[in-house]
N, C-alpha and C. Protein backbone atom coordinates (compact mmCIF):
# COMPACT_ATOMS: atom_id res chain seq x y z
N UNK A 1 132.82 84.66 94.98
CA UNK A 1 132.09 85.19 96.11
C UNK A 1 131.91 86.69 95.92
N UNK A 2 130.72 87.17 96.27
CA UNK A 2 130.38 88.59 96.20
C UNK A 2 129.97 89.03 97.60
N UNK A 3 130.47 90.20 98.00
CA UNK A 3 130.12 90.76 99.30
C UNK A 3 129.15 91.92 99.11
N UNK A 4 127.98 91.77 99.67
CA UNK A 4 126.98 92.85 99.70
C UNK A 4 127.25 93.69 100.95
N UNK A 5 127.30 95.01 100.78
CA UNK A 5 127.55 95.92 101.90
C UNK A 5 126.43 96.96 101.95
N UNK A 6 125.80 97.08 103.10
CA UNK A 6 124.74 98.07 103.29
C UNK A 6 124.95 98.77 104.63
N UNK A 7 124.98 100.10 104.60
CA UNK A 7 125.02 100.88 105.83
C UNK A 7 123.57 101.20 106.18
N UNK A 8 123.16 100.79 107.37
CA UNK A 8 121.77 100.92 107.80
C UNK A 8 121.64 102.00 108.86
N UNK A 9 120.94 103.05 108.53
CA UNK A 9 120.64 104.11 109.50
C UNK A 9 119.22 103.86 110.00
N UNK A 10 119.10 103.56 111.28
CA UNK A 10 117.82 103.22 111.88
C UNK A 10 117.18 104.48 112.47
N UNK A 11 115.87 104.56 112.40
CA UNK A 11 115.16 105.69 112.98
C UNK A 11 115.53 105.80 114.46
N UNK A 12 115.74 107.01 114.96
CA UNK A 12 116.19 107.20 116.34
C UNK A 12 115.32 106.46 117.36
N UNK A 13 116.02 105.77 118.27
CA UNK A 13 115.36 105.09 119.36
C UNK A 13 114.73 103.75 119.01
N UNK A 14 114.95 103.26 117.78
CA UNK A 14 114.30 102.01 117.37
C UNK A 14 115.30 100.87 117.17
N UNK A 15 116.52 101.06 117.62
CA UNK A 15 117.56 100.05 117.38
C UNK A 15 117.25 98.71 118.02
N UNK A 16 116.78 98.71 119.24
CA UNK A 16 116.49 97.43 119.92
C UNK A 16 115.39 96.68 119.18
N UNK A 17 114.37 97.38 118.79
CA UNK A 17 113.27 96.79 118.02
C UNK A 17 113.78 96.26 116.68
N UNK A 18 114.66 97.02 116.02
CA UNK A 18 115.27 96.58 114.77
C UNK A 18 116.06 95.29 114.98
N UNK A 19 116.87 95.24 116.02
CA UNK A 19 117.68 94.05 116.28
C UNK A 19 116.82 92.81 116.46
N UNK A 20 115.70 92.94 117.14
CA UNK A 20 114.79 91.79 117.33
C UNK A 20 114.20 91.35 115.99
N UNK A 21 113.78 92.30 115.18
CA UNK A 21 113.23 91.98 113.86
C UNK A 21 114.30 91.36 112.97
N UNK A 22 115.53 91.85 113.10
CA UNK A 22 116.61 91.32 112.27
C UNK A 22 116.90 89.86 112.61
N UNK A 23 116.78 89.50 113.88
CA UNK A 23 116.99 88.09 114.25
C UNK A 23 116.02 87.19 113.49
N UNK A 24 114.77 87.61 113.39
CA UNK A 24 113.78 86.83 112.63
C UNK A 24 114.12 86.85 111.15
N UNK A 25 114.49 88.00 110.64
CA UNK A 25 114.80 88.14 109.21
C UNK A 25 116.03 87.34 108.81
N UNK A 26 116.94 87.11 109.74
CA UNK A 26 118.17 86.37 109.42
C UNK A 26 117.89 84.98 108.87
N UNK A 27 116.88 84.32 109.39
CA UNK A 27 116.56 82.98 108.89
C UNK A 27 116.02 83.04 107.46
N UNK A 28 115.41 84.15 107.10
CA UNK A 28 114.88 84.30 105.75
C UNK A 28 116.02 84.37 104.75
N UNK A 29 116.96 85.28 104.98
CA UNK A 29 118.05 85.45 104.03
C UNK A 29 118.93 84.20 103.97
N UNK A 30 119.10 83.54 105.10
CA UNK A 30 119.94 82.35 105.15
C UNK A 30 119.36 81.19 104.35
N UNK A 31 118.09 81.25 104.03
CA UNK A 31 117.44 80.15 103.30
C UNK A 31 117.51 80.33 101.78
N UNK A 32 118.09 81.42 101.30
CA UNK A 32 118.12 81.72 99.87
C UNK A 32 119.28 81.01 99.19
N UNK A 33 119.01 80.47 98.01
CA UNK A 33 120.06 79.82 97.21
C UNK A 33 121.18 80.82 96.93
N UNK A 34 122.42 80.39 97.14
CA UNK A 34 123.57 81.24 96.89
C UNK A 34 124.03 82.06 98.09
N UNK A 35 123.24 82.05 99.17
CA UNK A 35 123.64 82.73 100.40
C UNK A 35 124.78 81.95 101.04
N UNK A 36 125.81 82.66 101.51
CA UNK A 36 126.93 82.01 102.18
C UNK A 36 126.98 82.37 103.68
N UNK A 37 126.86 83.66 104.00
CA UNK A 37 126.90 84.08 105.41
C UNK A 37 126.53 85.56 105.50
N UNK A 38 126.29 86.01 106.74
CA UNK A 38 126.06 87.44 106.94
C UNK A 38 126.50 87.85 108.34
N UNK A 39 126.76 89.15 108.46
CA UNK A 39 127.11 89.76 109.74
C UNK A 39 126.41 91.11 109.83
N UNK A 40 125.87 91.40 110.99
CA UNK A 40 125.32 92.72 111.27
C UNK A 40 126.16 93.31 112.39
N UNK A 41 126.76 94.48 112.14
CA UNK A 41 127.64 95.12 113.12
C UNK A 41 127.06 96.47 113.51
N UNK A 42 127.03 96.75 114.81
CA UNK A 42 126.51 98.01 115.34
C UNK A 42 127.66 99.01 115.43
N UNK A 43 127.41 100.22 114.99
CA UNK A 43 128.40 101.29 115.02
C UNK A 43 128.69 101.70 116.47
N UNK A 44 129.94 101.92 116.79
CA UNK A 44 130.32 102.35 118.13
C UNK A 44 130.09 103.84 118.36
N UNK A 45 130.19 104.62 117.29
CA UNK A 45 130.06 106.07 117.42
C UNK A 45 128.62 106.57 117.30
N UNK A 46 127.78 105.84 116.59
CA UNK A 46 126.40 106.27 116.37
C UNK A 46 125.45 105.14 116.77
N UNK A 47 124.61 105.38 117.77
CA UNK A 47 123.73 104.35 118.33
C UNK A 47 122.81 103.69 117.32
N UNK A 48 122.29 104.42 116.39
CA UNK A 48 121.27 103.89 115.49
C UNK A 48 121.83 103.57 114.10
N UNK A 49 123.10 103.18 114.04
CA UNK A 49 123.74 102.88 112.75
C UNK A 49 124.37 101.50 112.80
N UNK A 50 124.20 100.77 111.68
CA UNK A 50 124.72 99.40 111.55
C UNK A 50 125.33 99.25 110.17
N UNK A 51 126.14 98.21 110.03
CA UNK A 51 126.59 97.79 108.72
C UNK A 51 126.19 96.32 108.56
N UNK A 52 125.63 96.02 107.40
CA UNK A 52 125.24 94.65 107.08
C UNK A 52 126.16 94.14 105.99
N UNK A 53 126.79 93.01 106.23
CA UNK A 53 127.68 92.36 105.28
C UNK A 53 127.10 90.99 104.96
N UNK A 54 126.82 90.75 103.69
CA UNK A 54 126.26 89.46 103.29
C UNK A 54 127.13 88.89 102.18
N UNK A 55 127.55 87.65 102.35
CA UNK A 55 128.33 86.96 101.32
C UNK A 55 127.39 86.09 100.48
N UNK A 56 127.49 86.29 99.16
CA UNK A 56 126.70 85.53 98.19
C UNK A 56 127.65 84.83 97.23
N UNK A 57 127.18 83.74 96.65
CA UNK A 57 127.99 83.08 95.62
C UNK A 57 128.11 83.98 94.39
N UNK A 58 126.99 84.61 93.98
CA UNK A 58 126.99 85.51 92.83
C UNK A 58 126.12 86.73 93.12
N UNK A 59 126.30 87.78 92.37
CA UNK A 59 125.47 88.97 92.52
C UNK A 59 124.02 88.66 92.14
N UNK A 60 123.83 87.75 91.18
CA UNK A 60 122.48 87.35 90.77
C UNK A 60 121.73 86.65 91.89
N UNK A 61 122.46 85.90 92.72
CA UNK A 61 121.81 85.25 93.87
C UNK A 61 121.16 86.29 94.78
N UNK A 62 121.79 87.44 94.91
CA UNK A 62 121.22 88.50 95.73
C UNK A 62 120.14 89.28 94.98
N UNK A 63 120.52 89.82 93.82
CA UNK A 63 119.63 90.75 93.12
C UNK A 63 118.42 90.08 92.46
N UNK A 64 118.56 88.84 92.06
CA UNK A 64 117.43 88.13 91.43
C UNK A 64 116.86 87.08 92.37
N UNK A 65 117.73 86.16 92.82
CA UNK A 65 117.27 85.06 93.67
C UNK A 65 116.61 85.51 94.96
N UNK A 66 117.16 86.55 95.58
CA UNK A 66 116.59 87.03 96.84
C UNK A 66 115.58 88.15 96.61
N UNK A 67 116.00 89.22 95.96
CA UNK A 67 115.14 90.40 95.84
C UNK A 67 113.88 90.17 95.01
N UNK A 68 113.87 89.17 94.19
CA UNK A 68 112.67 88.91 93.38
C UNK A 68 111.88 87.71 93.91
N UNK A 69 112.21 87.29 95.13
CA UNK A 69 111.54 86.13 95.72
C UNK A 69 110.38 86.56 96.63
N UNK A 70 109.50 85.61 96.90
CA UNK A 70 108.41 85.83 97.86
C UNK A 70 108.97 86.09 99.26
N UNK A 71 110.08 85.43 99.58
CA UNK A 71 110.68 85.59 100.90
C UNK A 71 111.15 87.03 101.12
N UNK A 72 111.56 87.71 100.05
CA UNK A 72 112.01 89.10 100.17
C UNK A 72 110.87 89.99 100.67
N UNK A 73 109.65 89.68 100.31
CA UNK A 73 108.51 90.47 100.77
C UNK A 73 108.40 90.42 102.30
N UNK A 74 108.67 89.27 102.88
CA UNK A 74 108.65 89.13 104.34
C UNK A 74 109.82 89.91 104.97
N UNK A 75 111.02 89.79 104.36
CA UNK A 75 112.20 90.54 104.80
C UNK A 75 111.89 92.04 104.82
N UNK A 76 111.31 92.50 103.72
CA UNK A 76 110.97 93.90 103.55
C UNK A 76 109.96 94.35 104.63
N UNK A 77 108.95 93.54 104.87
CA UNK A 77 107.94 93.87 105.88
C UNK A 77 108.54 93.94 107.29
N UNK A 78 109.50 93.08 107.56
CA UNK A 78 110.14 93.06 108.88
C UNK A 78 111.08 94.24 109.11
N UNK A 79 111.79 94.68 108.06
CA UNK A 79 112.91 95.59 108.27
C UNK A 79 112.82 96.97 107.64
N UNK A 80 112.22 97.10 106.49
CA UNK A 80 112.34 98.34 105.73
C UNK A 80 111.76 99.57 106.44
N UNK A 81 110.79 99.40 107.31
CA UNK A 81 110.21 100.56 108.00
C UNK A 81 111.14 101.15 109.06
N UNK A 82 112.24 100.49 109.37
CA UNK A 82 113.19 101.01 110.35
C UNK A 82 114.19 101.99 109.75
N UNK A 83 114.38 101.97 108.42
CA UNK A 83 115.45 102.74 107.78
C UNK A 83 115.06 104.18 107.50
N UNK A 84 115.99 105.08 107.80
CA UNK A 84 115.82 106.49 107.43
C UNK A 84 117.19 107.16 107.38
N UNK A 85 117.72 107.35 106.18
CA UNK A 85 117.12 107.09 104.86
C UNK A 85 117.27 105.62 104.49
N UNK A 86 116.67 105.27 103.35
CA UNK A 86 116.79 103.91 102.85
C UNK A 86 118.24 103.66 102.47
N UNK A 87 118.81 102.51 102.83
CA UNK A 87 120.24 102.27 102.61
C UNK A 87 120.62 102.09 101.14
N UNK A 88 121.83 102.50 100.85
CA UNK A 88 122.45 102.20 99.57
C UNK A 88 123.16 100.86 99.74
N UNK A 89 122.92 99.96 98.81
CA UNK A 89 123.51 98.62 98.85
C UNK A 89 124.50 98.51 97.69
N UNK A 90 125.71 98.09 98.00
CA UNK A 90 126.73 97.90 96.96
C UNK A 90 127.35 96.53 97.10
N UNK A 91 127.97 96.08 96.01
CA UNK A 91 128.57 94.75 95.96
C UNK A 91 130.06 94.85 95.67
N UNK A 92 130.84 93.97 96.31
CA UNK A 92 132.29 93.96 96.17
C UNK A 92 132.77 92.55 95.91
N UNK A 93 133.91 92.46 95.23
CA UNK A 93 134.51 91.12 95.03
C UNK A 93 135.96 91.13 95.43
């Protein structure tokens, strides 16, 4: 199992809109081969900050199976315009 960790800084005042878009995007990521589970947690100290934790069977399931898929284009369209700056994504085992 590989844990993907991303700290998401959302543009000020757009958190509620982001959360709604993320609900739709959740079904996209959940449909990818090798996906196990995910959690989105809102920061208590900073209103527009979240952490995304995604469990994958392998790092390739995330970096190739998801990021190089057609479904990733929809994920990107739903979520990427909310980030400032763009998040750094790292993997842990």
